[in-house]
Protein backbone atom coordinates (compact mmCIF):
# COMPACT_ATOMS: atom_id res chain seq x y z
CA MET A 1 100.35 102.11 113.21
CA ILE A 2 97.84 104.55 111.77
CA ILE A 3 97.12 104.65 108.03
CA GLN A 4 95.25 107.49 106.30
CA TYR A 5 94.43 107.89 102.60
CA TYR A 6 94.56 111.17 100.69
CA GLY A 7 93.46 109.67 97.39
CA HIS A 8 95.30 108.55 94.25
CA SER A 9 98.48 106.79 95.52
CA CYS A 10 99.04 108.98 98.56
CA PHE A 11 98.98 107.51 102.06
CA LYS A 12 100.11 108.85 105.40
CA ILE A 13 101.48 106.37 107.93
CA THR A 14 102.16 107.29 111.54
CA THR A 15 104.31 104.70 113.25
CA LYS A 16 106.66 104.03 116.13
CA PRO A 17 110.35 103.65 115.27
CA ALA A 18 112.50 100.75 116.35
CA GLY A 19 115.08 101.29 119.08
CA ARG A 20 115.03 103.85 121.86
CA ALA A 21 113.36 106.69 119.99
CA THR A 22 109.88 107.48 121.30
CA ASP A 23 108.55 110.14 118.91
CA ASP A 24 106.19 109.01 116.16
CA VAL A 25 107.57 108.84 112.63
CA VAL A 26 105.28 110.35 109.98
CA ILE A 27 105.59 108.85 106.51
CA PHE A 28 103.96 109.92 103.24
CA PHE A 29 103.80 107.96 100.00
CA ASP A 30 103.49 109.70 96.61
CA PRO A 31 102.09 113.15 97.48
CA PHE A 32 100.19 114.60 94.50
CA ASP A 33 99.50 118.15 93.33
CA LYS A 34 96.20 119.99 92.72
CA GLU A 35 96.18 119.11 89.01
CA THR A 36 94.70 115.77 90.07
CA GLY A 37 91.51 117.57 91.12
CA LEU A 38 91.99 116.29 94.66
CA ARG A 39 93.15 118.26 97.68
CA PRO A 40 96.92 117.75 98.06
CA PRO A 41 98.19 116.33 101.35
CA GLN A 42 99.37 118.71 104.06
CA GLY A 43 101.27 118.53 107.32
CA GLN A 44 104.65 117.52 108.69
CA ALA A 45 106.55 114.62 107.16
CA ASP A 46 109.62 112.81 108.47
CA ILE A 47 109.98 110.53 105.45
CA ILE A 48 108.51 110.96 101.95
CA PHE A 49 108.52 108.12 99.44
CA VAL A 50 108.29 109.08 95.76
CA SER A 51 107.77 106.16 93.39
CA HIS A 52 108.47 108.25 90.27
CA ASP A 53 108.86 111.84 89.12
CA HIS A 54 105.35 112.68 87.90
CA HIS A 55 103.25 115.59 89.19
CA ASP A 56 100.64 113.31 90.68
CA HIS A 57 103.25 111.47 92.78
CA ASN A 58 106.11 113.85 93.59
CA ASN A 59 104.60 116.97 95.19
CA VAL A 60 106.99 116.91 98.13
CA GLY A 61 106.73 120.71 98.45
CA ALA A 62 103.20 120.34 99.85
CA LEU A 63 104.61 118.82 103.03
CA LYS A 64 106.49 120.54 105.82
CA GLY A 65 109.42 119.63 108.01
CA ASP A 66 113.01 118.50 107.47
CA SER A 67 111.84 115.51 105.46
CA ILE A 68 113.99 112.67 104.20
CA ILE A 69 113.01 112.00 100.58
CA LEU A 70 113.49 108.51 99.16
CA ASP A 71 112.89 108.36 95.42
CA ALA A 72 115.13 105.60 94.08
CA PRO A 73 115.74 101.87 94.44
CA GLY A 74 118.11 100.78 97.21
CA GLU A 75 118.29 99.74 100.83
CA TYR A 76 117.81 102.36 103.53
CA ALA A 77 117.61 102.66 107.29
CA VAL A 78 115.99 105.96 108.30
CA LYS A 79 114.57 107.03 111.64
CA GLY A 80 114.34 103.46 112.90
CA ILE A 81 112.59 102.23 109.73
CA ASN A 82 114.17 99.66 107.40
CA VAL A 83 113.33 100.20 103.74
CA VAL A 84 113.92 98.37 100.48
CA GLY A 85 113.25 100.08 97.15
CA LEU A 86 112.85 97.87 94.08
CA ASP A 87 113.11 99.07 90.50
CA SER A 88 110.00 98.29 88.44
CA PHE A 89 108.43 99.26 85.12
CA HIS A 90 105.68 101.85 84.74
CA ASP A 91 104.42 100.02 81.65
CA ASN A 92 104.31 96.60 80.03
CA ALA A 93 107.14 97.43 77.61
CA SER A 94 110.18 97.25 79.90
CA GLY A 95 109.90 100.96 80.68
CA MET A 96 110.14 102.07 77.04
CA GLU A 97 106.81 103.93 77.16
CA LYS A 98 106.43 105.40 80.65
CA GLY A 99 109.76 104.72 82.30
CA HIS A 100 110.41 103.24 85.72
CA SER A 101 108.68 103.29 89.09
CA THR A 102 109.99 102.24 92.50
CA ILE A 103 108.30 99.68 94.73
CA PHE A 104 108.91 100.47 98.41
CA ILE A 105 108.85 97.89 101.19
CA LEU A 106 109.24 99.07 104.76
CA GLU A 107 109.30 97.36 108.12
CA ALA A 108 107.88 99.09 111.18
CA GLU A 109 106.19 97.80 114.34
CA ASP A 110 106.86 94.23 113.12
CA LEU A 111 104.70 94.96 110.07
CA LYS A 112 105.80 94.58 106.45
CA ILE A 113 104.28 97.38 104.36
CA CYS A 114 104.51 97.36 100.56
CA HIS A 115 103.59 100.23 98.21
CA LEU A 116 103.72 99.12 94.57
CA GLY A 117 103.86 102.65 93.13
CA ASP A 118 102.76 102.93 89.50
CA LEU A 119 103.45 99.31 88.65
CA GLY A 120 102.59 98.71 85.01
CA CYS A 121 103.36 95.03 84.52
CA ASP A 122 103.66 91.68 86.25
CA LEU A 123 106.25 91.19 88.98
CA SER A 124 109.43 89.27 88.31
CA ASP A 125 110.21 86.23 90.44
CA LYS A 126 112.77 88.26 92.40
CA GLN A 127 110.34 91.13 93.01
CA LEU A 128 107.63 88.68 94.04
CA GLU A 129 110.00 87.06 96.51
CA GLU A 130 110.67 90.47 98.10
CA VAL A 131 107.03 91.56 98.44
CA TYR A 132 105.54 88.15 99.21
CA GLY A 133 103.51 87.91 102.39
CA ALA A 134 103.25 91.65 103.04
CA ASP A 135 101.09 92.53 106.01
CA VAL A 136 99.72 95.56 104.16
CA LEU A 137 99.82 95.94 100.37
CA PHE A 138 98.97 99.16 98.53
CA ILE A 139 98.25 98.24 94.91
CA PRO A 140 97.21 100.32 91.85
CA VAL A 141 93.99 99.10 90.21
CA GLY A 142 92.82 101.88 87.86
CA GLY A 143 94.53 100.78 84.65
CA LYS A 144 95.67 102.99 81.74
CA TYR A 145 98.80 104.23 83.54
CA THR A 146 99.25 101.11 85.68
CA ILE A 147 98.02 97.53 85.92
CA ASP A 148 94.25 97.24 85.83
CA GLY A 149 91.84 95.71 88.33
CA LYS A 150 92.01 92.22 86.83
CA LYS A 151 95.82 92.10 86.82
CA ALA A 152 95.92 93.62 90.32
CA ALA A 153 93.69 90.84 91.65
CA GLU A 154 95.96 88.24 90.02
CA LEU A 155 98.98 89.81 91.71
CA VAL A 156 97.26 89.88 95.10
CA ARG A 157 96.78 86.12 94.85
CA LYS A 158 100.51 85.72 94.14
CA ILE A 159 101.66 88.08 96.89
CA GLU A 160 99.21 86.76 99.50
CA PRO A 161 99.13 89.87 101.71
CA ILE A 162 97.14 89.94 104.92
CA MET A 163 95.53 93.27 104.06
CA VAL A 164 95.26 94.77 100.58
CA ILE A 165 94.31 98.41 99.98
CA PRO A 166 93.60 99.43 96.35
CA MET A 167 94.83 102.81 95.12
CA HIS A 168 95.31 104.86 91.93
CA TYR A 169 91.73 104.58 90.72
CA LYS A 170 88.92 106.97 89.78
CA MET A 171 87.34 108.67 92.78
CA PRO A 172 85.07 111.68 93.33
CA GLY A 173 86.86 114.90 92.37
CA SER A 174 89.70 113.26 90.46
CA THR A 175 90.36 114.61 86.97
CA ILE A 176 92.69 111.78 85.97
CA ASP A 177 91.35 109.29 83.45
CA LEU A 178 91.27 106.04 85.41
CA ALA A 179 88.84 103.19 85.98
CA ASP A 180 87.24 102.90 89.41
CA GLU A 181 87.81 100.07 91.87
CA LYS A 182 84.84 97.95 90.75
CA VAL A 183 86.72 95.62 88.38
CA PHE A 184 89.28 94.92 91.09
CA CYS A 185 86.57 94.25 93.66
CA SER A 186 84.70 92.00 91.25
CA ASN A 187 87.82 89.93 90.67
CA MET A 188 88.67 89.81 94.36
CA GLY A 189 85.15 88.98 95.43
CA ASN A 190 85.56 90.24 99.00
CA CYS A 191 85.45 94.04 98.92
CA PRO A 192 83.52 95.67 101.77
CA LYS A 193 80.55 97.94 101.13
CA GLU A 194 81.86 100.71 103.38
CA LYS A 195 85.05 102.73 103.04
CA VAL A 196 87.07 103.70 106.10
CA ALA A 197 88.85 107.00 106.69
CA LYS A 198 91.54 105.70 109.01
CA LEU A 199 93.09 102.38 110.00
CA ASN A 200 94.79 101.62 113.29
CA ILE A 201 96.53 98.28 112.98
CA LYS A 202 98.80 96.14 115.12
CA LYS A 203 100.68 92.99 114.19
CA LYS A 204 98.62 90.88 116.59
CA ASP A 205 95.40 92.01 114.87
CA LEU A 206 96.56 90.46 111.59
CA GLU A 207 97.78 87.12 112.90
CA ASN A 208 96.12 83.99 111.48
CA LYS A 209 94.11 86.00 108.97
CA SER A 210 93.77 85.43 105.23
CA THR A 211 93.76 88.21 102.65
CA GLU A 212 91.31 90.99 103.47
CA THR A 213 90.49 93.87 101.12
CA VAL A 214 90.04 97.29 102.71
CA LEU A 215 88.63 100.28 100.83
CA MET A 216 89.68 103.69 102.13
CA THR A 217 88.17 107.12 101.61
CA ASN A 218 90.11 110.37 101.35
CA GLU A 219 87.42 112.23 103.31
CA ILE A 220 89.60 112.73 106.36
C-alpha cells in the first residue's frame, strides 16, 4: 500500500483489492479546492471519500475517472475494499455549530485504515470500539475547526494505532487559519524531525510495533 499526502486532510492511497482483481485501486480522501492556498489533488480516482460537504474537503471535480464517491455513514463493499462510515460531530456541541462529519474505516491488504475527517469532539465508546487498534490513523490536529493537538494526542492514546499521521494543520502555502502540528508533537513526544513524501507499507512491517508518529509533506 502506498500513501501520499496532498496537504490539509487529503491523502491518496494506492492499494491492491481483495479477490481475483489485479489492478490497483486508487483512493482519495477529502480532496480540497484552491481556496485553501494549496495545490488541489489531480489524477485518476477509483474511490473518493468525502467526510463532509465543505470546499476544503469535497472537491471531487478535481479528480478524473468513473469514481465511486462515498460521503455518508454506512457499510460499503467497493472494488474489493470493505468500508465502514461512522457519523461524528464537526464540533463539541453535538453538531449544532458546524454539523456532522463522517469517519471512514477501510480494510485493504490486511490493513485497517482510519480517517477521522473533521472530528470536533471526543469519540463515543461505540466509535472508539470501531476505530480501536487501527494500523494507520489519519487524525486532525490543527484545532479551531476540529480537535486540537492536545485532544488529538489524548485520542491517539485511546485508539492505540500502530501508525498515526497528523493532518488538517497549518502548513506552508495554506490560507486556512489553523495551528501547526507542534502542539500535537509536543503532547505525543515522538514526532520525527523529517517529513516523508510517500509511504509504502505492508502488514508485516507493522507487526509487534507500538504507536509511531509519521509526519508527511505535500511536496510530491
